[in-house]
Each structure stands twice: as C-alpha cells, then as structure tokens.
Amino acid sequence: TPDLTPKEIIDNVTSLFKRLHVLVIGPGLSRDEMMLECAKGIILNAKEQHIPIIVDA
C-alpha cells in the first residue's frame, strides 16, 4: 500500500525468505524510485541469506 515505507515493504518480503528456495524478480518493476529502492533492499537481503536470485528482465 502507499502508506508503507520501503523498509516496511522490504521487511515484509524478507520475512517470507525462510519459505523460499529461490527469489525470482520479474519484469515490470518500472523506474519508480520506491519500487527500485525496495527491489534493491530485497535483493541485498537475499544475497546476505545466500538465496539464489533469478532476474527476468
């Protein structure tokens, strides 16, 4: 929702990592500043937790 901060969104998504075997980032991220900040934070967290990442551009 628009009321969430990027940190809250990143925390919400990364809380699901324990259920994942891989993180898939798909097309359609746009160039929205908030979306890019969230995607960056999620990817960095996935890398820290050694979760494989697939990026479909």
N, C-alpha and C. Protein backbone atom coordinates (compact mmCIF):
# COMPACT_ATOMS: atom_id res chain seq x y z
N THR A 1 0.84 -1.18 0.00
CA THR A 1 0.00 0.00 0.00
C THR A 1 0.88 1.24 0.00
N PRO A 2 0.34 2.35 -0.45
CA PRO A 2 1.14 3.58 -0.49
C PRO A 2 1.57 4.07 0.89
N ASP A 3 0.93 3.59 1.94
CA ASP A 3 1.25 4.05 3.29
C ASP A 3 2.49 3.38 3.87
N LEU A 4 2.96 2.30 3.25
CA LEU A 4 4.13 1.59 3.77
C LEU A 4 5.41 2.27 3.30
N THR A 5 6.42 2.23 4.15
CA THR A 5 7.73 2.75 3.77
C THR A 5 8.49 1.64 3.05
N PRO A 6 9.53 1.99 2.29
CA PRO A 6 10.34 0.95 1.66
C PRO A 6 10.88 -0.07 2.68
N LYS A 7 11.30 0.40 3.85
CA LYS A 7 11.82 -0.53 4.87
C LYS A 7 10.74 -1.52 5.30
N GLU A 8 9.52 -1.05 5.48
CA GLU A 8 8.43 -1.95 5.88
C GLU A 8 8.14 -2.98 4.79
N ILE A 9 8.18 -2.55 3.53
CA ILE A 9 7.95 -3.47 2.42
C ILE A 9 9.07 -4.50 2.37
N ILE A 10 10.31 -4.04 2.48
CA ILE A 10 11.46 -4.95 2.45
C ILE A 10 11.36 -5.95 3.60
N ASP A 11 11.03 -5.48 4.79
CA ASP A 11 10.88 -6.37 5.95
C ASP A 11 9.77 -7.39 5.73
N ASN A 12 8.64 -6.96 5.15
CA ASN A 12 7.54 -7.88 4.88
C ASN A 12 7.95 -8.97 3.91
N VAL A 13 8.64 -8.59 2.85
CA VAL A 13 9.06 -9.57 1.84
C VAL A 13 10.14 -10.49 2.40
N THR A 14 11.14 -9.93 3.06
CA THR A 14 12.23 -10.76 3.56
C THR A 14 11.78 -11.70 4.67
N SER A 15 10.67 -11.39 5.33
CA SER A 15 10.16 -12.31 6.35
C SER A 15 9.67 -13.62 5.72
N LEU A 16 9.44 -13.61 4.42
CA LEU A 16 8.99 -14.82 3.71
C LEU A 16 10.16 -15.67 3.21
N PHE A 17 11.38 -15.18 3.31
CA PHE A 17 12.54 -15.88 2.76
C PHE A 17 12.71 -17.29 3.31
N LYS A 18 12.33 -17.52 4.56
CA LYS A 18 12.52 -18.85 5.14
C LYS A 18 11.69 -19.91 4.40
N ARG A 19 10.71 -19.48 3.62
CA ARG A 19 9.86 -20.40 2.86
C ARG A 19 10.33 -20.56 1.42
N LEU A 20 11.36 -19.82 1.01
CA LEU A 20 11.79 -19.81 -0.39
C LEU A 20 13.03 -20.66 -0.63
N HIS A 21 13.12 -21.19 -1.85
CA HIS A 21 14.34 -21.84 -2.31
C HIS A 21 15.09 -20.94 -3.28
N VAL A 22 14.36 -20.01 -3.90
CA VAL A 22 14.93 -19.08 -4.87
C VAL A 22 14.05 -17.82 -4.90
N LEU A 23 14.67 -16.68 -5.21
CA LEU A 23 13.94 -15.43 -5.37
C LEU A 23 13.91 -15.10 -6.85
N VAL A 24 12.72 -14.89 -7.40
CA VAL A 24 12.57 -14.54 -8.81
C VAL A 24 12.06 -13.10 -8.89
N ILE A 25 12.81 -12.26 -9.59
CA ILE A 25 12.42 -10.87 -9.82
C ILE A 25 12.00 -10.78 -11.28
N GLY A 26 10.77 -10.39 -11.52
CA GLY A 26 10.25 -10.36 -12.89
C GLY A 26 10.25 -8.98 -13.50
N PRO A 27 9.85 -8.92 -14.76
CA PRO A 27 9.76 -7.64 -15.43
C PRO A 27 8.61 -6.82 -14.85
N GLY A 28 8.59 -5.57 -15.16
CA GLY A 28 7.50 -4.72 -14.70
C GLY A 28 7.82 -3.95 -13.44
N LEU A 29 9.08 -3.88 -13.05
CA LEU A 29 9.44 -3.13 -11.85
C LEU A 29 9.27 -1.63 -12.05
N SER A 30 9.31 -1.20 -13.26
CA SER A 30 9.23 0.21 -13.65
C SER A 30 10.47 0.96 -13.17
N ARG A 31 10.39 2.25 -13.22
CA ARG A 31 11.51 3.08 -12.77
C ARG A 31 11.12 3.93 -11.58
N ASP A 32 10.06 3.53 -10.93
CA ASP A 32 9.59 4.23 -9.74
C ASP A 32 10.65 4.14 -8.65
N GLU A 33 11.00 5.28 -8.06
CA GLU A 33 12.07 5.33 -7.04
C GLU A 33 11.81 4.38 -5.90
N MET A 34 10.59 4.36 -5.39
CA MET A 34 10.27 3.49 -4.25
C MET A 34 10.39 2.02 -4.64
N MET A 35 9.91 1.67 -5.83
CA MET A 35 9.98 0.28 -6.29
C MET A 35 11.44 -0.16 -6.44
N LEU A 36 12.27 0.71 -7.00
CA LEU A 36 13.68 0.38 -7.17
C LEU A 36 14.39 0.23 -5.83
N GLU A 37 14.07 1.10 -4.89
CA GLU A 37 14.66 1.01 -3.55
C GLU A 37 14.26 -0.30 -2.87
N CYS A 38 12.99 -0.68 -3.01
CA CYS A 38 12.52 -1.93 -2.41
C CYS A 38 13.19 -3.13 -3.07
N ALA A 39 13.26 -3.13 -4.40
CA ALA A 39 13.89 -4.24 -5.12
C ALA A 39 15.35 -4.38 -4.70
N LYS A 40 16.06 -3.26 -4.61
CA LYS A 40 17.46 -3.29 -4.20
C LYS A 40 17.61 -3.88 -2.80
N GLY A 41 16.78 -3.43 -1.87
CA GLY A 41 16.85 -3.94 -0.50
C GLY A 41 16.53 -5.42 -0.41
N ILE A 42 15.55 -5.86 -1.18
CA ILE A 42 15.16 -7.28 -1.18
C ILE A 42 16.28 -8.13 -1.77
N ILE A 43 16.87 -7.67 -2.87
CA ILE A 43 17.97 -8.41 -3.50
C ILE A 43 19.17 -8.48 -2.56
N LEU A 44 19.52 -7.38 -1.92
CA LEU A 44 20.66 -7.39 -0.99
C LEU A 44 20.42 -8.34 0.18
N ASN A 45 19.19 -8.37 0.70
CA ASN A 45 18.86 -9.29 1.79
C ASN A 45 18.94 -10.73 1.32
N ALA A 46 18.47 -11.00 0.12
CA ALA A 46 18.54 -12.36 -0.43
C ALA A 46 20.00 -12.80 -0.58
N LYS A 47 20.85 -11.90 -1.06
CA LYS A 47 22.27 -12.23 -1.20
C LYS A 47 22.90 -12.53 0.15
N GLU A 48 22.56 -11.74 1.17
CA GLU A 48 23.11 -11.95 2.51
C GLU A 48 22.70 -13.31 3.07
N GLN A 49 21.50 -13.77 2.70
CA GLN A 49 21.00 -15.05 3.20
C GLN A 49 21.30 -16.20 2.23
N HIS A 50 22.11 -15.93 1.21
CA HIS A 50 22.55 -16.94 0.24
C HIS A 50 21.37 -17.60 -0.48
N ILE A 51 20.35 -16.80 -0.79
CA ILE A 51 19.21 -17.28 -1.56
C ILE A 51 19.51 -17.02 -3.03
N PRO A 52 19.44 -18.04 -3.88
CA PRO A 52 19.67 -17.82 -5.31
C PRO A 52 18.64 -16.82 -5.86
N ILE A 53 19.08 -16.01 -6.82
CA ILE A 53 18.23 -14.97 -7.40
C ILE A 53 18.18 -15.14 -8.91
N ILE A 54 16.97 -15.11 -9.46
CA ILE A 54 16.77 -15.11 -10.90
C ILE A 54 16.13 -13.78 -11.26
N VAL A 55 16.74 -13.06 -12.20
CA VAL A 55 16.19 -11.79 -12.64
C VAL A 55 15.76 -11.94 -14.09
N ASP A 56 14.47 -11.76 -14.35
CA ASP A 56 13.91 -11.83 -15.69
C ASP A 56 13.64 -10.42 -16.16
N ALA A 57 14.53 -9.90 -16.96
CA ALA A 57 14.35 -8.53 -17.45
C ALA A 57 13.57 -8.58 -18.73
